[in-house]
Protein backbone atom coordinates (compact mmCIF):
# COMPACT_ATOMS: atom_id res chain seq x y z
CA MET A 1 0.12 -0.18 -0.06
CA LYS A 2 1.19 3.32 -0.97
CA LYS A 3 1.75 5.93 1.76
CA ILE A 4 0.76 9.61 1.39
CA LEU A 5 1.66 12.28 4.00
CA ILE A 6 -0.86 15.41 3.89
CA ALA A 7 0.86 18.68 5.17
CA ASP A 8 -1.81 21.45 5.52
CA ASP A 9 -2.96 23.93 8.46
CA GLU A 10 -6.49 23.96 6.88
CA HIS A 11 -8.44 21.37 8.60
CA LYS A 12 -11.11 21.03 5.96
CA ILE A 13 -8.44 20.36 3.32
CA VAL A 14 -6.87 17.85 5.47
CA MET A 15 -10.33 16.25 5.84
CA THR A 16 -11.41 16.02 2.30
CA LEU A 17 -7.74 15.12 0.98
CA GLU A 18 -7.71 12.23 3.72
CA TYR A 19 -11.17 10.70 2.77
CA ALA A 20 -10.33 10.86 -0.87
CA PHE A 21 -7.21 9.54 -0.60
CA ARG A 22 -7.81 6.52 1.84
CA ARG A 23 -10.90 5.79 -0.19
CA ALA A 24 -8.62 5.23 -3.03
CA GLY A 25 -6.76 2.74 -1.12
CA TYR A 26 -3.83 5.08 0.10
CA GLN A 27 -2.30 4.85 3.65
CA ILE A 28 -2.29 8.42 5.06
CA PHE A 29 -0.66 10.51 7.36
CA ILE A 30 -1.53 13.67 8.68
CA ALA A 31 0.88 16.87 9.22
CA ARG A 32 -0.07 20.65 10.60
CA ASP A 33 3.31 21.85 9.29
CA GLY A 34 6.80 21.31 8.60
CA HIS A 35 8.19 20.89 11.60
CA GLU A 36 5.50 17.92 12.05
CA VAL A 37 6.17 17.03 8.36
CA LEU A 38 10.01 16.68 9.46
CA GLU A 39 9.24 14.76 12.77
CA LEU A 40 7.23 12.08 10.84
CA LEU A 41 9.81 11.69 8.12
CA SER A 42 12.44 10.09 11.10
CA ASN A 43 9.42 7.13 11.41
CA GLU A 44 7.82 6.71 8.01
CA LYS A 45 8.61 6.76 4.85
CA PRO A 46 5.72 8.23 2.87
CA ASP A 47 6.25 7.85 -1.27
CA LEU A 48 4.26 10.93 -1.89
CA ILE A 49 3.80 14.42 0.17
CA LEU A 50 1.05 16.60 -0.25
CA LEU A 51 2.80 20.16 0.98
CA ASP A 52 1.30 23.09 1.62
CA VAL A 53 3.22 26.45 1.00
CA MET A 54 1.19 28.56 3.95
CA MET A 55 1.76 26.97 6.95
CA PRO A 56 2.75 28.03 10.40
CA ASN A 57 6.15 27.49 12.17
CA LEU A 58 7.85 26.02 9.10
CA ASP A 59 6.57 27.00 5.74
CA GLY A 60 6.36 24.56 2.94
CA PHE A 61 9.38 26.07 0.88
CA SER A 62 11.50 25.40 4.05
CA THR A 63 10.21 22.16 4.35
CA ILE A 64 11.45 20.83 1.10
CA GLU A 65 14.44 22.13 1.65
CA GLU A 66 14.87 20.17 4.66
CA ILE A 67 13.96 17.16 2.83
CA LYS A 68 16.16 17.57 0.18
CA LYS A 69 19.04 17.76 2.15
CA ASN A 70 18.62 14.13 3.40
CA LYS A 71 19.43 11.61 0.71
CA GLU A 72 17.50 8.96 2.41
CA TYR A 73 14.01 10.91 1.23
CA ASP A 74 15.38 11.18 -2.46
CA HIS A 75 12.49 8.43 -3.23
CA ILE A 76 9.27 10.88 -2.11
CA LYS A 77 7.49 12.50 -4.61
CA ILE A 78 6.21 16.02 -3.36
CA ILE A 79 3.51 18.10 -4.71
CA PHE A 80 3.10 21.44 -3.73
CA LEU A 81 -0.57 22.51 -3.12
CA SER A 82 -0.65 26.01 -2.51
CA ALA A 83 -3.10 28.95 -2.74
CA LYS A 84 0.46 31.12 -4.07
CA THR A 85 -0.56 30.94 -7.24
CA GLY A 86 2.09 33.63 -8.53
CA GLU A 87 4.61 32.51 -11.21
CA LYS A 88 7.47 33.14 -8.72
CA ASP A 89 6.09 31.10 -6.34
CA ILE A 90 5.26 28.01 -8.46
CA ILE A 91 8.84 28.69 -10.42
CA LYS A 92 10.33 28.65 -6.59
CA GLY A 93 8.67 26.02 -5.59
CA LEU A 94 9.69 23.36 -8.68
CA GLU A 95 13.25 25.02 -8.40
CA LEU A 96 13.47 23.43 -4.83
CA GLY A 97 12.74 20.13 -6.13
CA ALA A 98 8.91 19.93 -6.12
CA ASP A 99 7.41 17.34 -8.37
CA ALA A 100 4.26 19.46 -9.24
CA TYR A 101 2.86 22.59 -7.92
CA ILE A 102 -0.55 22.70 -7.85
CA THR A 103 -2.82 25.78 -7.35
CA LYS A 104 -5.81 26.02 -5.09
CA PRO A 105 -9.03 25.51 -5.53
CA TYR A 106 -8.01 22.20 -7.49
CA SER A 107 -9.89 19.07 -8.89
CA ILE A 108 -9.81 16.23 -6.43
CA LYS A 109 -9.90 14.11 -9.51
CA LYS A 110 -7.31 15.67 -11.30
CA LEU A 111 -4.85 15.74 -7.74
CA GLN A 112 -5.47 12.12 -7.99
CA GLU A 113 -4.72 11.22 -11.45
CA LYS A 114 -0.93 13.43 -10.85
CA VAL A 115 -0.83 11.39 -7.50
CA GLN A 116 -0.91 8.16 -9.76
CA GLU A 117 1.05 9.28 -12.27
CA LEU A 118 3.78 10.26 -10.01
CA LEU A 119 3.47 6.96 -8.04
CA ASN A 120 3.50 4.98 -11.14
CA THR A 121 6.96 6.52 -12.17
């Protein structure tokens, strides 16, 4: 079973994503900020992270920078899910190593297709 880590501080978004991806057969982990993501990575090895940019304590950009420092996490696919829709933010997210950058609001179906595509490569 593939594992997905959902990192977002908005409860409704987390609940919606958790429901959709559990129903699709994924094992789900939840983090509310970047510190929780890094903590969780020390115990769990998700296949993919859905990472919000604007989170308290440690934002998504800083979080991916920390993840990319550790070769142990090289296999993890990362998709930014963000309300930050500016071209500079999207470019920054991809340059930091994200596999995709999807802006909010988004289609759950299209997000699931992107997740499946990344996990099948």
